[in-house]
Amino acid sequence: MLRLAAFLRSPFSFFFARTAAEEHVAEYVMREHGRGRPVEEILQDMYVQNRLTPEQQSRMLGRPELIHTLGEQDLEAARQNLASRVR
């Protein structure tokens, strides 16, 4: 019953739902960046590549907690790198 009520409040919320894989990869990216690695390099890791498509990676980079933690400059370089791989 609670699920139905939640769905009726926001019937399109599934469009914005985050997958467990995105959650885990976001945590991984923040942890590795905290160790001093650049975002572009982290996104090349097999851990990331095996779990998220380039489109999912791009969407993940727009998450507020990543923007806050990683900084806009590092994210912009990573976004440009992703855009060149998607084309």
PDB file of N, CA and C in Angstrom:
ATOM      1  N   MET A   1       0.811  -1.191   0.000  1.00  0.00           N
ATOM      2  CA  MET A   1       0.000   0.000   0.000  1.00  0.00           C
ATOM      3  C   MET A   1       0.860   1.263   0.000  1.00  0.00           C
ATOM      4  N   LEU A   2       1.965   1.232   0.750  1.00  0.00           N
ATOM      5  CA  LEU A   2       2.840   2.401   0.794  1.00  0.00           C
ATOM      6  C   LEU A   2       3.475   2.676  -0.560  1.00  0.00           C
ATOM      7  N   ARG A   3       3.826   1.617  -1.289  1.00  0.00           N
ATOM      8  CA  ARG A   3       4.425   1.809  -2.614  1.00  0.00           C
ATOM      9  C   ARG A   3       3.455   2.510  -3.551  1.00  0.00           C
ATOM     10  N   LEU A   4       2.189   2.106  -3.507  1.00  0.00           N
ATOM     11  CA  LEU A   4       1.175   2.732  -4.353  1.00  0.00           C
ATOM     12  C   LEU A   4       1.034   4.201  -4.006  1.00  0.00           C
ATOM     13  N   ALA A   5       1.021   4.511  -2.742  1.00  0.00           N
ATOM     14  CA  ALA A   5       0.902   5.910  -2.309  1.00  0.00           C
ATOM     15  C   ALA A   5       2.107   6.718  -2.785  1.00  0.00           C
ATOM     16  N   ALA A   6       3.302   6.137  -2.675  1.00  0.00           N
ATOM     17  CA  ALA A   6       4.507   6.835  -3.128  1.00  0.00           C
ATOM     18  C   ALA A   6       4.464   7.050  -4.635  1.00  0.00           C
ATOM     19  N   PHE A   7       3.988   6.057  -5.369  1.00  0.00           N
ATOM     20  CA  PHE A   7       3.902   6.180  -6.822  1.00  0.00           C
ATOM     21  C   PHE A   7       2.905   7.262  -7.213  1.00  0.00           C
ATOM     22  N   LEU A   8       1.782   7.298  -6.541  1.00  0.00           N
ATOM     23  CA  LEU A   8       0.758   8.293  -6.870  1.00  0.00           C
ATOM     24  C   LEU A   8       1.222   9.712  -6.565  1.00  0.00           C
ATOM     25  N   ARG A   9       2.066   9.868  -5.561  1.00  0.00           N
ATOM     26  CA  ARG A   9       2.602  11.198  -5.254  1.00  0.00           C
ATOM     27  C   ARG A   9       3.543  11.660  -6.351  1.00  0.00           C
ATOM     28  N   SER A  10       4.315  10.752  -6.900  1.00  0.00           N
ATOM     29  CA  SER A  10       5.308  11.101  -7.908  1.00  0.00           C
ATOM     30  C   SER A  10       5.373  10.006  -8.970  1.00  0.00           C
ATOM     31  N   PRO A  11       4.432  10.008  -9.901  1.00  0.00           N
ATOM     32  CA  PRO A  11       4.370   8.921 -10.872  1.00  0.00           C
ATOM     33  C   PRO A  11       5.562   8.845 -11.826  1.00  0.00           C
ATOM     34  N   PHE A  12       6.325   9.914 -11.946  1.00  0.00           N
ATOM     35  CA  PHE A  12       7.459   9.909 -12.870  1.00  0.00           C
ATOM     36  C   PHE A  12       8.788   9.841 -12.150  1.00  0.00           C
ATOM     37  N   SER A  13       8.771   9.516 -10.878  1.00  0.00           N
ATOM     38  CA  SER A  13      10.009   9.477 -10.102  1.00  0.00           C
ATOM     39  C   SER A  13      10.973   8.422 -10.614  1.00  0.00           C
ATOM     40  N   PHE A  14      10.457   7.366 -11.253  1.00  0.00           N
ATOM     41  CA  PHE A  14      11.358   6.325 -11.755  1.00  0.00           C
ATOM     42  C   PHE A  14      12.298   6.847 -12.823  1.00  0.00           C
ATOM     43  N   PHE A  15      11.959   7.963 -13.479  1.00  0.00           N
ATOM     44  CA  PHE A  15      12.858   8.554 -14.470  1.00  0.00           C
ATOM     45  C   PHE A  15      14.145   9.049 -13.812  1.00  0.00           C
ATOM     46  N   PHE A  16      14.040   9.427 -12.553  1.00  0.00           N
ATOM     47  CA  PHE A  16      15.166  10.022 -11.854  1.00  0.00           C
ATOM     48  C   PHE A  16      15.783   9.081 -10.827  1.00  0.00           C
ATOM     49  N   ALA A  17      15.323   7.853 -10.798  1.00  0.00           N
ATOM     50  CA  ALA A  17      15.827   6.889  -9.835  1.00  0.00           C
ATOM     51  C   ALA A  17      17.280   6.549 -10.132  1.00  0.00           C
ATOM     52  N   ARG A  18      18.035   6.388  -9.090  1.00  0.00           N
ATOM     53  CA  ARG A  18      19.436   6.015  -9.231  1.00  0.00           C
ATOM     54  C   ARG A  18      19.556   4.518  -9.016  1.00  0.00           C
ATOM     55  N   THR A  19      20.380   3.911  -9.823  1.00  0.00           N
ATOM     56  CA  THR A  19      20.577   2.475  -9.666  1.00  0.00           C
ATOM     57  C   THR A  19      21.609   2.231  -8.568  1.00  0.00           C
ATOM     58  N   ALA A  20      21.612   1.007  -8.073  1.00  0.00           N
ATOM     59  CA  ALA A  20      22.608   0.634  -7.062  1.00  0.00           C
ATOM     60  C   ALA A  20      24.016   0.758  -7.646  1.00  0.00           C
ATOM     61  N   ALA A  21      24.163   0.402  -8.918  1.00  0.00           N
ATOM     62  CA  ALA A  21      25.480   0.506  -9.561  1.00  0.00           C
ATOM     63  C   ALA A  21      25.960   1.951  -9.576  1.00  0.00           C
ATOM     64  N   GLU A  22      25.060   2.890  -9.891  1.00  0.00           N
ATOM     65  CA  GLU A  22      25.447   4.305  -9.897  1.00  0.00           C
ATOM     66  C   GLU A  22      25.863   4.765  -8.508  1.00  0.00           C
ATOM     67  N   GLU A  23      25.136   4.315  -7.492  1.00  0.00           N
ATOM     68  CA  GLU A  23      25.476   4.678  -6.117  1.00  0.00           C
ATOM     69  C   GLU A  23      26.867   4.181  -5.759  1.00  0.00           C
ATOM     70  N   HIS A  24      27.144   2.926  -6.072  1.00  0.00           N
ATOM     71  CA  HIS A  24      28.445   2.339  -5.732  1.00  0.00           C
ATOM     72  C   HIS A  24      29.581   3.005  -6.500  1.00  0.00           C
ATOM     73  N   VAL A  25      29.353   3.280  -7.768  1.00  0.00           N
ATOM     74  CA  VAL A  25      30.402   3.915  -8.571  1.00  0.00           C
ATOM     75  C   VAL A  25      30.642   5.344  -8.094  1.00  0.00           C
ATOM     76  N   ALA A  26      29.582   6.063  -7.748  1.00  0.00           N
ATOM     77  CA  ALA A  26      29.747   7.428  -7.239  1.00  0.00           C
ATOM     78  C   ALA A  26      30.588   7.419  -5.962  1.00  0.00           C
ATOM     79  N   GLU A  27      30.321   6.482  -5.071  1.00  0.00           N
ATOM     80  CA  GLU A  27      31.112   6.362  -3.841  1.00  0.00           C
ATOM     81  C   GLU A  27      32.571   6.041  -4.177  1.00  0.00           C
ATOM     82  N   TYR A  28      32.769   5.160  -5.147  1.00  0.00           N
ATOM     83  CA  TYR A  28      34.120   4.783  -5.576  1.00  0.00           C
ATOM     84  C   TYR A  28      34.860   5.997  -6.136  1.00  0.00           C
ATOM     85  N   VAL A  29      34.187   6.762  -6.986  1.00  0.00           N
ATOM     86  CA  VAL A  29      34.813   7.939  -7.598  1.00  0.00           C
ATOM     87  C   VAL A  29      35.213   8.942  -6.520  1.00  0.00           C
ATOM     88  N   MET A  30      34.320   9.201  -5.572  1.00  0.00           N
ATOM     89  CA  MET A  30      34.643  10.168  -4.511  1.00  0.00           C
ATOM     90  C   MET A  30      35.800   9.660  -3.638  1.00  0.00           C
ATOM     91  N   ARG A  31      35.806   8.371  -3.335  1.00  0.00           N
ATOM     92  CA  ARG A  31      36.873   7.799  -2.510  1.00  0.00           C
ATOM     93  C   ARG A  31      38.224   7.890  -3.231  1.00  0.00           C
ATOM     94  N   GLU A  32      38.250   7.511  -4.505  1.00  0.00           N
ATOM     95  CA  GLU A  32      39.500   7.547  -5.264  1.00  0.00           C
ATOM     96  C   GLU A  32      39.987   8.982  -5.468  1.00  0.00           C
ATOM     97  N   HIS A  33      39.066   9.899  -5.686  1.00  0.00           N
ATOM     98  CA  HIS A  33      39.454  11.300  -5.839  1.00  0.00           C
ATOM     99  C   HIS A  33      40.032  11.831  -4.532  1.00  0.00           C
ATOM    100  N   GLY A  34      39.467  11.385  -3.423  1.00  0.00           N
ATOM    101  CA  GLY A  34      40.002  11.771  -2.119  1.00  0.00           C
ATOM    102  C   GLY A  34      41.426  11.278  -1.904  1.00  0.00           C
ATOM    103  N   ARG A  35      41.804  10.229  -2.609  1.00  0.00           N
ATOM    104  CA  ARG A  35      43.175   9.701  -2.550  1.00  0.00           C
ATOM    105  C   ARG A  35      44.112  10.434  -3.490  1.00  0.00           C
ATOM    106  N   GLY A  36      43.573  11.412  -4.216  1.00  0.00           N
ATOM    107  CA  GLY A  36      44.423  12.242  -5.064  1.00  0.00           C
ATOM    108  C   GLY A  36      44.381  11.948  -6.552  1.00  0.00           C
ATOM    109  N   ARG A  37      43.517  11.053  -6.990  1.00  0.00           N
ATOM    110  CA  ARG A  37      43.459  10.709  -8.409  1.00  0.00           C
ATOM    111  C   ARG A  37      42.528  11.662  -9.161  1.00  0.00           C
ATOM    112  N   PRO A  38      42.876  12.032 -10.395  1.00  0.00           N
ATOM    113  CA  PRO A  38      41.986  12.876 -11.201  1.00  0.00           C
ATOM    114  C   PRO A  38      40.747  12.096 -11.658  1.00  0.00           C
ATOM    115  N   VAL A  39      39.645  12.777 -11.808  1.00  0.00           N
ATOM    116  CA  VAL A  39      38.373  12.154 -12.175  1.00  0.00           C
ATOM    117  C   VAL A  39      38.485  11.442 -13.518  1.00  0.00           C
ATOM    118  N   GLU A  40      39.122  12.078 -14.489  1.00  0.00           N
ATOM    119  CA  GLU A  40      39.273  11.454 -15.818  1.00  0.00           C
ATOM    120  C   GLU A  40      39.917  10.073 -15.717  1.00  0.00           C
ATOM    121  N   GLU A  41      40.938   9.974 -14.896  1.00  0.00           N
ATOM    122  CA  GLU A  41      41.638   8.699 -14.722  1.00  0.00           C
ATOM    123  C   GLU A  41      40.743   7.672 -14.037  1.00  0.00           C
ATOM    124  N   ILE A  42      39.995   8.106 -13.032  1.00  0.00           N
ATOM    125  CA  ILE A  42      39.119   7.191 -12.297  1.00  0.00           C
ATOM    126  C   ILE A  42      38.051   6.624 -13.223  1.00  0.00           C
ATOM    127  N   LEU A  43      37.506   7.456 -14.100  1.00  0.00           N
ATOM    128  CA  LEU A  43      36.465   6.995 -15.019  1.00  0.00           C
ATOM    129  C   LEU A  43      36.987   5.957 -16.012  1.00  0.00           C
ATOM    130  N   GLN A  44      38.281   5.875 -16.191  1.00  0.00           N
ATOM    131  CA  GLN A  44      38.878   4.875 -17.080  1.00  0.00           C
ATOM    132  C   GLN A  44      39.051   3.520 -16.390  1.00  0.00           C
ATOM    133  N   ASP A  45      38.910   3.485 -15.067  1.00  0.00           N
ATOM    134  CA  ASP A  45      39.073   2.229 -14.320  1.00  0.00           C
ATOM    135  C   ASP A  45      38.065   1.194 -14.803  1.00  0.00           C
ATOM    136  N   MET A  46      38.501  -0.056 -14.813  1.00  0.00           N
ATOM    137  CA  MET A  46      37.621  -1.148 -15.222  1.00  0.00           C
ATOM    138  C   MET A  46      36.410  -1.257 -14.309  1.00  0.00           C
ATOM    139  N   TYR A  47      36.560  -0.916 -13.036  1.00  0.00           N
ATOM    140  CA  TYR A  47      35.433  -0.947 -12.099  1.00  0.00           C
ATOM    141  C   TYR A  47      34.297  -0.063 -12.611  1.00  0.00           C
ATOM    142  N   VAL A  48      34.644   1.118 -13.067  1.00  0.00           N
ATOM    143  CA  VAL A  48      33.642   2.062 -13.580  1.00  0.00           C
ATOM    144  C   VAL A  48      33.141   1.601 -14.943  1.00  0.00           C
ATOM    145  N   GLN A  49      34.054   1.250 -15.832  1.00  0.00           N
ATOM    146  CA  GLN A  49      33.699   0.864 -17.196  1.00  0.00           C
ATOM    147  C   GLN A  49      32.776  -0.352 -17.244  1.00  0.00           C
ATOM    148  N   ASN A  50      32.983  -1.301 -16.323  1.00  0.00           N
ATOM    149  CA  ASN A  50      32.176  -2.513 -16.313  1.00  0.00           C
ATOM    150  C   ASN A  50      30.790  -2.321 -15.720  1.00  0.00           C
ATOM    151  N   ARG A  51      30.571  -1.212 -15.025  1.00  0.00           N
ATOM    152  CA  ARG A  51      29.304  -1.029 -14.334  1.00  0.00           C
ATOM    153  C   ARG A  51      28.399   0.031 -14.941  1.00  0.00           C
ATOM    154  N   LEU A  52      28.983   1.027 -15.592  1.00  0.00           N
ATOM    155  CA  LEU A  52      28.178   2.123 -16.140  1.00  0.00           C
ATOM    156  C   LEU A  52      28.542   2.406 -17.588  1.00  0.00           C
ATOM    157  N   THR A  53      27.532   2.699 -18.388  1.00  0.00           N
ATOM    158  CA  THR A  53      27.764   3.138 -19.763  1.00  0.00           C
ATOM    159  C   THR A  53      28.284   4.573 -19.727  1.00  0.00           C
ATOM    160  N   PRO A  54      28.848   5.061 -20.818  1.00  0.00           N
ATOM    161  CA  PRO A  54      29.272   6.462 -20.842  1.00  0.00           C
ATOM    162  C   PRO A  54      28.112   7.425 -20.542  1.00  0.00           C
ATOM    163  N   GLU A  55      26.912   7.104 -20.993  1.00  0.00           N
ATOM    164  CA  GLU A  55      25.753   7.956 -20.706  1.00  0.00           C
ATOM    165  C   GLU A  55      25.441   7.970 -19.211  1.00  0.00           C
ATOM    166  N   GLN A  56      25.520   6.807 -18.579  1.00  0.00           N
ATOM    167  CA  GLN A  56      25.284   6.737 -17.134  1.00  0.00           C
ATOM    168  C   GLN A  56      26.382   7.469 -16.366  1.00  0.00           C
ATOM    169  N   GLN A  57      27.606   7.364 -16.841  1.00  0.00           N
ATOM    170  CA  GLN A  57      28.711   8.088 -16.204  1.00  0.00           C
ATOM    171  C   GLN A  57      28.478   9.584 -16.291  1.00  0.00           C
ATOM    172  N   SER A  58      28.053  10.041 -17.455  1.00  0.00           N
ATOM    173  CA  SER A  58      27.782  11.466 -17.643  1.00  0.00           C
ATOM    174  C   SER A  58      26.680  11.942 -16.708  1.00  0.00           C
ATOM    175  N   ARG A  59      25.619  11.155 -16.589  1.00  0.00           N
ATOM    176  CA  ARG A  59      24.519  11.510 -15.689  1.00  0.00           C
ATOM    177  C   ARG A  59      25.007  11.538 -14.240  1.00  0.00           C
ATOM    178  N   MET A  60      25.854  10.581 -13.891  1.00  0.00           N
ATOM    179  CA  MET A  60      26.389  10.521 -12.538  1.00  0.00           C
ATOM    180  C   MET A  60      27.197  11.774 -12.207  1.00  0.00           C
ATOM    181  N   LEU A  61      27.923  12.298 -13.188  1.00  0.00           N
ATOM    182  CA  LEU A  61      28.756  13.479 -12.951  1.00  0.00           C
ATOM    183  C   LEU A  61      27.938  14.733 -12.663  1.00  0.00           C
ATOM    184  N   GLY A  62      26.638  14.675 -12.923  1.00  0.00           N
ATOM    185  CA  GLY A  62      25.771  15.814 -12.624  1.00  0.00           C
ATOM    186  C   GLY A  62      25.184  15.785 -11.226  1.00  0.00           C
ATOM    187  N   ARG A  63      25.509  14.757 -10.455  1.00  0.00           N
ATOM    188  CA  ARG A  63      24.964  14.631  -9.106  1.00  0.00           C
ATOM    189  C   ARG A  63      25.560  15.702  -8.194  1.00  0.00           C
ATOM    190  N   PRO A  64      24.721  16.372  -7.419  1.00  0.00           N
ATOM    191  CA  PRO A  64      25.202  17.464  -6.560  1.00  0.00           C
ATOM    192  C   PRO A  64      26.327  17.069  -5.609  1.00  0.00           C
ATOM    193  N   GLU A  65      26.257  15.878  -5.023  1.00  0.00           N
ATOM    194  CA  GLU A  65      27.306  15.490  -4.079  1.00  0.00           C
ATOM    195  C   GLU A  65      28.645  15.287  -4.774  1.00  0.00           C
ATOM    196  N   LEU A  66      28.624  14.836  -6.028  1.00  0.00           N
ATOM    197  CA  LEU A  66      29.877  14.702  -6.780  1.00  0.00           C
ATOM    198  C   LEU A  66      30.433  16.065  -7.159  1.00  0.00           C
ATOM    199  N   ILE A  67      29.562  16.955  -7.593  1.00  0.00           N
ATOM    200  CA  ILE A  67      30.002  18.303  -7.961  1.00  0.00           C
ATOM    201  C   ILE A  67      30.651  18.978  -6.761  1.00  0.00           C
ATOM    202  N   HIS A  68      30.020  18.833  -5.610  1.00  0.00           N
ATOM    203  CA  HIS A  68      30.550  19.446  -4.393  1.00  0.00           C
ATOM    204  C   HIS A  68      31.897  18.841  -3.993  1.00  0.00           C
ATOM    205  N   THR A  69      31.992  17.527  -4.052  1.00  0.00           N
ATOM    206  CA  THR A  69      33.203  16.833  -3.609  1.00  0.00           C
ATOM    207  C   THR A  69      34.354  16.971  -4.592  1.00  0.00           C
ATOM    208  N   LEU A  70      34.061  16.845  -5.878  1.00  0.00           N
ATOM    209  CA  LEU A  70      35.127  16.778  -6.872  1.00  0.00           C
ATOM    210  C   LEU A  70      35.558  18.133  -7.409  1.00  0.00           C
ATOM    211  N   GLY A  71      34.674  19.089  -7.421  1.00  0.00           N
ATOM    212  CA  GLY A  71      35.015  20.395  -7.956  1.00  0.00           C
ATOM    213  C   GLY A  71      34.675  20.496  -9.430  1.00  0.00           C
ATOM    214  N   GLU A  72      34.291  21.664  -9.840  1.00  0.00           N
ATOM    215  CA  GLU A  72      33.803  21.886 -11.203  1.00  0.00           C
ATOM    216  C   GLU A  72      34.873  21.691 -12.261  1.00  0.00           C
ATOM    217  N   GLN A  73      36.127  22.072 -11.987  1.00  0.00           N
ATOM    218  CA  GLN A  73      37.187  21.941 -13.000  1.00  0.00           C
ATOM    219  C   GLN A  73      37.451  20.488 -13.358  1.00  0.00           C
ATOM    220  N   ASP A  74      37.588  19.640 -12.352  1.00  0.00           N
ATOM    221  CA  ASP A  74      37.832  18.219 -12.619  1.00  0.00           C
ATOM    222  C   ASP A  74      36.649  17.595 -13.345  1.00  0.00           C
ATOM    223  N   LEU A  75      35.445  17.972 -12.954  1.00  0.00           N
ATOM    224  CA  LEU A  75      34.257  17.408 -13.594  1.00  0.00           C
ATOM    225  C   LEU A  75      34.133  17.852 -15.048  1.00  0.00           C
ATOM    226  N   GLU A  76      34.484  19.090 -15.338  1.00  0.00           N
ATOM    227  CA  GLU A  76      34.384  19.580 -16.710  1.00  0.00           C
ATOM    228  C   GLU A  76      35.337  18.808 -17.622  1.00  0.00           C
ATOM    229  N   ALA A  77      36.543  18.554 -17.158  1.00  0.00           N
ATOM    230  CA  ALA A  77      37.503  17.768 -17.949  1.00  0.00           C
ATOM    231  C   ALA A  77      36.977  16.349 -18.167  1.00  0.00           C
ATOM    232  N   ALA A  78      36.386  15.767 -17.144  1.00  0.00           N
ATOM    233  CA  ALA A  78      35.834  14.415 -17.272  1.00  0.00           C
ATOM    234  C   ALA A  78      34.654  14.399 -18.231  1.00  0.00           C
ATOM    235  N   ARG A  79      33.803  15.421 -18.179  1.00  0.00           N
ATOM    236  CA  ARG A  79      32.646  15.498 -19.087  1.00  0.00           C
ATOM    237  C   ARG A  79      33.098  15.602 -20.537  1.00  0.00           C
ATOM    238  N   GLN A  80      34.124  16.399 -20.788  1.00  0.00           N
ATOM    239  CA  GLN A  80      34.628  16.535 -22.156  1.00  0.00           C
ATOM    240  C   GLN A  80      35.197  15.211 -22.654  1.00  0.00           C
ATOM    241  N   ASN A  81      35.890  14.508 -21.799  1.00  0.00           N
ATOM    242  CA  ASN A  81      36.440  13.208 -22.166  1.00  0.00           C
ATOM    243  C   ASN A  81      35.302  12.221 -22.472  1.00  0.00           C
ATOM    244  N   LEU A  82      34.273  12.208 -21.649  1.00  0.00           N
ATOM    245  CA  LEU A  82      33.128  11.328 -21.887  1.00  0.00           C
ATOM    246  C   LEU A  82      32.416  11.672 -23.187  1.00  0.00           C
ATOM    247  N   ALA A  83      32.258  12.957 -23.468  1.00  0.00           N
ATOM    248  CA  ALA A  83      31.574  13.386 -24.683  1.00  0.00           C
ATOM    249  C   ALA A  83      32.328  12.899 -25.912  1.00  0.00           C
ATOM    250  N   SER A  84      33.642  12.914 -25.857  1.00  0.00           N
ATOM    251  CA  SER A  84      34.408  12.449 -27.027  1.00  0.00           C
ATOM    252  C   SER A  84      34.288  10.933 -27.193  1.00  0.00           C
ATOM    253  N   ARG A  85      34.069  10.193 -26.097  1.00  0.00           N
ATOM    254  CA  ARG A  85      33.913   8.732 -26.202  1.00  0.00           C
ATOM    255  C   ARG A  85      32.530   8.335 -26.668  1.00  0.00           C
ATOM    256  N   VAL A  86      31.521   9.149 -26.392  1.00  0.00           N
ATOM    257  CA  VAL A  86      30.152   8.820 -26.762  1.00  0.00           C
ATOM    258  C   VAL A  86      29.935   9.003 -28.259  1.00  0.00           C
ATOM    259  N   ARG A  87      30.602   9.949 -28.855  1.00  0.00           N
ATOM    260  CA  ARG A  87      30.402  10.255 -30.273  1.00  0.00           C
ATOM    261  C   ARG A  87      30.831   9.165 -31.168  1.00  0.00           C
TER     262      ARG A  87
END
